[in-house]
Structure formats: C-alpha cells, structure tokens
Amino acid sequence: QDNAATHDPFDWLEGLAYHYDAAGVSDQAADYAEAAGDKALATMAIDRARAHYLTALRALDALPQLTPVLKLRWCAIAQKLGQTCVFDPLDVHEGFVMFERAAQLARETGDQNALARTEYWLGYVHYGRGRPRDAVRHCEAALTHALTCGDAKLVAQVEATLGQSLASAGRYDRA
C-alpha cells in the first residue's frame, strides 16, 4: 500500500511550513505554519504551536506589504500565540515585542476587537512577567476597546485579568 496515501494531510503541515519558510516563500510559509500551529495547539503541544505561530508571524512580516486584511491576520495569529502563553507566560521571550506589534497593527486597521484582544494579551504577558502596573494599563485599554465593540465574553475575560493585575499591584480596593 502506498505510504503517502495512508497519511493524514495534516501530517505534512510541519514539513510544508519548514520547506516554504526555508525557501523564502513567505505567503505559503505563513499559511502552513499557522495551520501546523493550530494542529499543535489542538493537541496541547504548546511548545510546537508557539514555534509555528512565531514562524507564521515572521513569514507575514517578510511579505512586501501588509494589507489591512493581512494586518488583522497578523493580529489573529498573535492572539493564538497568546493562547500558547496561558500556562507558561515566562517562556515567550519575544512576547512583548510581538504583542506590541500586534497592537500597533490593530491600531492601524482601526479594528476595535483586534485592538481589545492585542491589548489583553499585552496585559496578560505583563501580568505573567510580574509587571502589574503595565498589566493594569493594558488591561484597562483592552476593557475600553472590548466594551466599545460589545464583546461580552472578552469583557469578562479582561475584567478577570484586570482584577488579578490590580491585586498584584496592591490596589486591593479596586481589584
């Protein structure tokens, strides 16, 4: 029996992501790296998902231009990267830079939901790194944007992280 015919197409995602990235075919590298990251995240292979999402973001940055659609895609992949930080926020050495870039791209598009989510992840990473005042600042910005766009689930999530950040900053009355 043909070995290739028995493999799930998802088994090829990592190899294709690596291949296109090494070849400098950025659009394909981004597509396959994001898909490989999604697959890894679904199986809770957090370290692999993180690596693939970082590859996808770098591949998008290698494109000649980031259109508004690609900027929002960049933000969405950064949010997925954030999900890989939930259990280990200290392991993302590039977290601040990546999430700050996502917030900048979201501001450029004017998308309130994307901006709320990128500010949330900035707040979360600052909280995880023991920077409660920065976490509070970003969570407050995230809350403002989440309320503006009417994302009730995100509002609840941001409020919880804001409360933890406020308590960590010693602002118990407000927490």
C-alpha atoms as a PDB file:
ATOM      1  CA  GLN A   1       0.000   0.000   0.000  1.00  0.00           C
ATOM      2  CA  ASP A   2       1.241   3.477  -0.878  1.00  0.00           C
ATOM      3  CA  ASN A   3       2.585   5.075   2.282  1.00  0.00           C
ATOM      4  CA  ALA A   4       1.678   8.612   1.194  1.00  0.00           C
ATOM      5  CA  ALA A   5      -1.937   7.618   0.597  1.00  0.00           C
ATOM      6  CA  THR A   6      -2.341   6.387   4.180  1.00  0.00           C
ATOM      7  CA  HIS A   7      -1.112   9.606   5.807  1.00  0.00           C
ATOM      8  CA  ASP A   8      -3.441  12.303   7.002  1.00  0.00           C
ATOM      9  CA  PRO A   9      -2.754  15.544   5.071  1.00  0.00           C
ATOM     10  CA  PHE A  10      -2.326  17.283   8.419  1.00  0.00           C
ATOM     11  CA  ASP A  11       0.786  15.155   8.961  1.00  0.00           C
ATOM     12  CA  TRP A  12       2.504  17.193   6.258  1.00  0.00           C
ATOM     13  CA  LEU A  13       1.832  20.642   7.700  1.00  0.00           C
ATOM     14  CA  GLU A  14       5.040  20.987   9.705  1.00  0.00           C
ATOM     15  CA  GLY A  15       7.182  19.797   6.826  1.00  0.00           C
ATOM     16  CA  LEU A  16       5.500  22.133   4.370  1.00  0.00           C
ATOM     17  CA  ALA A  17       5.804  25.058   6.774  1.00  0.00           C
ATOM     18  CA  TYR A  18       9.511  24.360   7.196  1.00  0.00           C
ATOM     19  CA  HIS A  19      10.010  23.853   3.451  1.00  0.00           C
ATOM     20  CA  TYR A  20       8.295  27.080   2.389  1.00  0.00           C
ATOM     21  CA  ASP A  21       9.964  29.049   5.175  1.00  0.00           C
ATOM     22  CA  ALA A  22      13.417  27.798   4.164  1.00  0.00           C
ATOM     23  CA  ALA A  23      12.638  28.575   0.517  1.00  0.00           C
ATOM     24  CA  GLY A  24      11.558  32.113   1.391  1.00  0.00           C
ATOM     25  CA  VAL A  25       8.027  31.640   0.052  1.00  0.00           C
ATOM     26  CA  SER A  26       6.515  33.746   2.789  1.00  0.00           C
ATOM     27  CA  ASP A  27       2.810  33.541   1.953  1.00  0.00           C
ATOM     28  CA  GLN A  28       2.859  29.733   1.842  1.00  0.00           C
ATOM     29  CA  ALA A  29       5.139  29.551   4.896  1.00  0.00           C
ATOM     30  CA  ALA A  30       2.646  31.668   6.851  1.00  0.00           C
ATOM     31  CA  ASP A  31      -0.292  29.509   5.738  1.00  0.00           C
ATOM     32  CA  TYR A  32       1.316  26.187   6.618  1.00  0.00           C
ATOM     33  CA  ALA A  33       2.963  27.431   9.806  1.00  0.00           C
ATOM     34  CA  GLU A  34      -0.353  28.782  11.086  1.00  0.00           C
ATOM     35  CA  ALA A  35      -2.112  25.512  10.208  1.00  0.00           C
ATOM     36  CA  ALA A  36       0.667  23.499  11.878  1.00  0.00           C
ATOM     37  CA  GLY A  37       0.359  25.759  14.932  1.00  0.00           C
ATOM     38  CA  ASP A  38      -3.401  25.196  15.034  1.00  0.00           C
ATOM     39  CA  LYS A  39      -2.858  21.438  14.857  1.00  0.00           C
ATOM     40  CA  ALA A  40      -0.245  21.534  17.614  1.00  0.00           C
ATOM     41  CA  LEU A  41      -2.435  23.733  19.831  1.00  0.00           C
ATOM     42  CA  ALA A  42      -5.388  21.365  19.370  1.00  0.00           C
ATOM     43  CA  THR A  43      -3.247  18.522  20.712  1.00  0.00           C
ATOM     44  CA  MET A  44      -1.825  20.719  23.502  1.00  0.00           C
ATOM     45  CA  ALA A  45       1.690  20.608  22.055  1.00  0.00           C
ATOM     46  CA  ILE A  46       2.150  24.164  23.276  1.00  0.00           C
ATOM     47  CA  ASP A  47       5.854  24.499  22.515  1.00  0.00           C
ATOM     48  CA  ARG A  48       5.346  23.351  18.914  1.00  0.00           C
ATOM     49  CA  ALA A  49       2.332  25.628  18.449  1.00  0.00           C
ATOM     50  CA  ARG A  50       4.335  28.582  19.784  1.00  0.00           C
ATOM     51  CA  ALA A  51       7.194  27.883  17.361  1.00  0.00           C
ATOM     52  CA  HIS A  52       4.831  27.600  14.391  1.00  0.00           C
ATOM     53  CA  TYR A  53       2.932  30.775  15.242  1.00  0.00           C
ATOM     54  CA  LEU A  54       6.212  32.681  15.572  1.00  0.00           C
ATOM     55  CA  THR A  55       7.243  31.328  12.163  1.00  0.00           C
ATOM     56  CA  ALA A  56       3.905  32.420  10.676  1.00  0.00           C
ATOM     57  CA  LEU A  57       4.297  35.937  12.086  1.00  0.00           C
ATOM     58  CA  ARG A  58       7.850  36.244  10.774  1.00  0.00           C
ATOM     59  CA  ALA A  59       6.707  34.966   7.376  1.00  0.00           C
ATOM     60  CA  LEU A  60       3.953  37.582   7.201  1.00  0.00           C
ATOM     61  CA  ASP A  61       6.485  40.255   8.105  1.00  0.00           C
ATOM     62  CA  ALA A  62       8.638  39.091   5.188  1.00  0.00           C
ATOM     63  CA  LEU A  63       5.884  39.917   2.694  1.00  0.00           C
ATOM     64  CA  PRO A  64       6.405  43.088   0.661  1.00  0.00           C
ATOM     65  CA  GLN A  65       3.344  44.756   2.201  1.00  0.00           C
ATOM     66  CA  LEU A  66       0.867  44.052   4.952  1.00  0.00           C
ATOM     67  CA  THR A  67      -2.572  44.993   3.670  1.00  0.00           C
ATOM     68  CA  PRO A  68      -5.297  45.714   6.248  1.00  0.00           C
ATOM     69  CA  VAL A  69      -6.514  42.107   5.850  1.00  0.00           C
ATOM     70  CA  LEU A  70      -3.001  40.764   6.468  1.00  0.00           C
ATOM     71  CA  LYS A  71      -2.580  43.092   9.460  1.00  0.00           C
ATOM     72  CA  LEU A  72      -5.722  41.617  11.006  1.00  0.00           C
ATOM     73  CA  ARG A  73      -4.464  38.124  10.212  1.00  0.00           C
ATOM     74  CA  TRP A  74      -1.168  39.012  11.931  1.00  0.00           C
ATOM     75  CA  CYS A  75      -3.177  40.107  14.981  1.00  0.00           C
ATOM     76  CA  ALA A  76      -5.239  36.898  14.938  1.00  0.00           C
ATOM     77  CA  ILE A  77      -2.106  34.735  14.825  1.00  0.00           C
ATOM     78  CA  ALA A  78      -0.615  36.789  17.666  1.00  0.00           C
ATOM     79  CA  GLN A  79      -3.756  36.005  19.678  1.00  0.00           C
ATOM     80  CA  LYS A  80      -3.191  32.307  19.003  1.00  0.00           C
ATOM     81  CA  LEU A  81       0.386  32.805  20.152  1.00  0.00           C
ATOM     82  CA  GLY A  82      -1.074  34.304  23.323  1.00  0.00           C
ATOM     83  CA  GLN A  83      -3.012  31.102  23.908  1.00  0.00           C
ATOM     84  CA  THR A  84       0.293  29.233  23.974  1.00  0.00           C
ATOM     85  CA  CYS A  85       1.395  31.527  26.815  1.00  0.00           C
ATOM     86  CA  VAL A  86      -1.521  30.767  29.126  1.00  0.00           C
ATOM     87  CA  PHE A  87       0.332  28.048  31.013  1.00  0.00           C
ATOM     88  CA  ASP A  88       3.828  29.469  30.627  1.00  0.00           C
ATOM     89  CA  PRO A  89       3.922  33.231  30.044  1.00  0.00           C
ATOM     90  CA  LEU A  90       7.568  33.379  31.079  1.00  0.00           C
ATOM     91  CA  ASP A  91       8.667  31.247  28.142  1.00  0.00           C
ATOM     92  CA  VAL A  92       7.799  33.720  25.417  1.00  0.00           C
ATOM     93  CA  HIS A  93      10.963  35.766  25.177  1.00  0.00           C
ATOM     94  CA  GLU A  94       9.602  37.725  22.227  1.00  0.00           C
ATOM     95  CA  GLY A  95       6.163  38.205  23.759  1.00  0.00           C
ATOM     96  CA  PHE A  96       6.335  41.907  24.463  1.00  0.00           C
ATOM     97  CA  VAL A  97       7.666  42.758  21.021  1.00  0.00           C
ATOM     98  CA  MET A  98       5.153  40.518  19.239  1.00  0.00           C
ATOM     99  CA  PHE A  99       2.126  41.725  21.185  1.00  0.00           C
ATOM    100  CA  GLU A 100       3.196  45.370  20.935  1.00  0.00           C
ATOM    101  CA  ARG A 101       3.492  44.920  17.162  1.00  0.00           C
ATOM    102  CA  ALA A 102       0.041  43.318  17.090  1.00  0.00           C
ATOM    103  CA  ALA A 103      -1.403  46.283  18.995  1.00  0.00           C
ATOM    104  CA  GLN A 104       0.215  48.696  16.554  1.00  0.00           C
ATOM    105  CA  LEU A 105      -1.167  46.788  13.564  1.00  0.00           C
ATOM    106  CA  ALA A 106      -4.616  46.684  15.173  1.00  0.00           C
ATOM    107  CA  ARG A 107      -4.458  50.465  15.722  1.00  0.00           C
ATOM    108  CA  GLU A 108      -3.547  50.918  12.057  1.00  0.00           C
ATOM    109  CA  THR A 109      -6.628  48.955  10.971  1.00  0.00           C
ATOM    110  CA  GLY A 110      -8.935  50.669  13.452  1.00  0.00           C
ATOM    111  CA  ASP A 111     -10.492  47.302  14.367  1.00  0.00           C
ATOM    112  CA  GLN A 112     -11.683  47.700  17.979  1.00  0.00           C
ATOM    113  CA  ASN A 113     -12.000  43.955  18.624  1.00  0.00           C
ATOM    114  CA  ALA A 114      -8.492  43.232  17.333  1.00  0.00           C
ATOM    115  CA  LEU A 115      -7.169  46.102  19.428  1.00  0.00           C
ATOM    116  CA  ALA A 116      -9.014  44.864  22.531  1.00  0.00           C
ATOM    117  CA  ARG A 117      -7.542  41.393  22.086  1.00  0.00           C
ATOM    118  CA  THR A 118      -3.995  42.585  21.451  1.00  0.00           C
ATOM    119  CA  GLU A 119      -4.119  44.890  24.481  1.00  0.00           C
ATOM    120  CA  TYR A 120      -5.471  41.978  26.524  1.00  0.00           C
ATOM    121  CA  TRP A 121      -2.518  39.774  25.591  1.00  0.00           C
ATOM    122  CA  LEU A 122      -0.092  42.590  26.345  1.00  0.00           C
ATOM    123  CA  GLY A 123      -1.713  42.893  29.760  1.00  0.00           C
ATOM    124  CA  TYR A 124      -1.602  39.151  30.302  1.00  0.00           C
ATOM    125  CA  VAL A 125       2.078  38.845  29.389  1.00  0.00           C
ATOM    126  CA  HIS A 126       2.970  41.799  31.625  1.00  0.00           C
ATOM    127  CA  TYR A 127       0.999  40.197  34.458  1.00  0.00           C
ATOM    128  CA  GLY A 128       2.761  36.866  33.915  1.00  0.00           C
ATOM    129  CA  ARG A 129       6.136  38.580  33.918  1.00  0.00           C
ATOM    130  CA  GLY A 130       5.440  40.326  37.228  1.00  0.00           C
ATOM    131  CA  ARG A 131       4.802  43.804  35.829  1.00  0.00           C
ATOM    132  CA  PRO A 132       1.406  44.557  37.366  1.00  0.00           C
ATOM    133  CA  ARG A 133       1.296  48.313  36.651  1.00  0.00           C
ATOM    134  CA  ASP A 134       1.903  47.715  32.939  1.00  0.00           C
ATOM    135  CA  ALA A 135      -0.614  44.862  33.053  1.00  0.00           C
ATOM    136  CA  VAL A 136      -3.249  47.167  34.567  1.00  0.00           C
ATOM    137  CA  ARG A 137      -2.621  49.824  31.907  1.00  0.00           C
ATOM    138  CA  HIS A 138      -3.012  47.354  29.044  1.00  0.00           C
ATOM    139  CA  CYS A 139      -5.999  45.588  30.605  1.00  0.00           C
ATOM    140  CA  GLU A 140      -7.772  48.908  31.096  1.00  0.00           C
ATOM    141  CA  ALA A 141      -7.186  49.745  27.429  1.00  0.00           C
ATOM    142  CA  ALA A 142      -8.407  46.268  26.440  1.00  0.00           C
ATOM    143  CA  LEU A 143     -11.539  46.725  28.544  1.00  0.00           C
ATOM    144  CA  THR A 144     -12.329  50.071  26.901  1.00  0.00           C
ATOM    145  CA  HIS A 145     -11.998  48.569  23.413  1.00  0.00           C
ATOM    146  CA  ALA A 146     -13.902  45.382  24.332  1.00  0.00           C
ATOM    147  CA  LEU A 147     -16.783  47.455  25.690  1.00  0.00           C
ATOM    148  CA  THR A 148     -16.744  49.618  22.547  1.00  0.00           C
ATOM    149  CA  CYS A 149     -17.092  46.617  20.256  1.00  0.00           C
ATOM    150  CA  GLY A 150     -19.589  44.851  22.531  1.00  0.00           C
ATOM    151  CA  ASP A 151     -17.622  41.622  23.004  1.00  0.00           C
ATOM    152  CA  ALA A 152     -19.164  40.437  26.289  1.00  0.00           C
ATOM    153  CA  LYS A 153     -17.013  37.294  26.583  1.00  0.00           C
ATOM    154  CA  LEU A 154     -13.845  39.303  26.116  1.00  0.00           C
ATOM    155  CA  VAL A 155     -15.065  41.903  28.623  1.00  0.00           C
ATOM    156  CA  ALA A 156     -15.430  39.164  31.253  1.00  0.00           C
ATOM    157  CA  GLN A 157     -12.014  37.727  30.443  1.00  0.00           C
ATOM    158  CA  VAL A 158     -10.345  41.150  30.589  1.00  0.00           C
ATOM    159  CA  GLU A 159     -12.093  42.044  33.842  1.00  0.00           C
ATOM    160  CA  ALA A 160     -10.752  38.870  35.466  1.00  0.00           C
ATOM    161  CA  THR A 161      -7.187  39.566  34.349  1.00  0.00           C
ATOM    162  CA  LEU A 162      -7.531  43.238  35.311  1.00  0.00           C
ATOM    163  CA  GLY A 163      -8.679  42.208  38.795  1.00  0.00           C
ATOM    164  CA  GLN A 164      -5.681  39.893  39.196  1.00  0.00           C
ATOM    165  CA  SER A 165      -3.341  42.609  37.939  1.00  0.00           C
ATOM    166  CA  LEU A 166      -4.807  45.194  40.297  1.00  0.00           C
ATOM    167  CA  ALA A 167      -4.418  42.824  43.246  1.00  0.00           C
ATOM    168  CA  SER A 168      -0.849  42.089  42.196  1.00  0.00           C
ATOM    169  CA  ALA A 169      -0.185  45.843  42.054  1.00  0.00           C
ATOM    170  CA  GLY A 170      -1.517  46.191  45.632  1.00  0.00           C
ATOM    171  CA  ARG A 171      -4.650  48.054  44.550  1.00  0.00           C
ATOM    172  CA  TYR A 172      -6.969  45.773  46.503  1.00  0.00           C
ATOM    173  CA  ASP A 173      -9.848  48.229  46.824  1.00  0.00           C
ATOM    174  CA  ARG A 174     -10.238  48.429  43.059  1.00  0.00           C
ATOM    175  CA  ALA A 175      -9.442  44.752  42.444  1.00  0.00           C
END
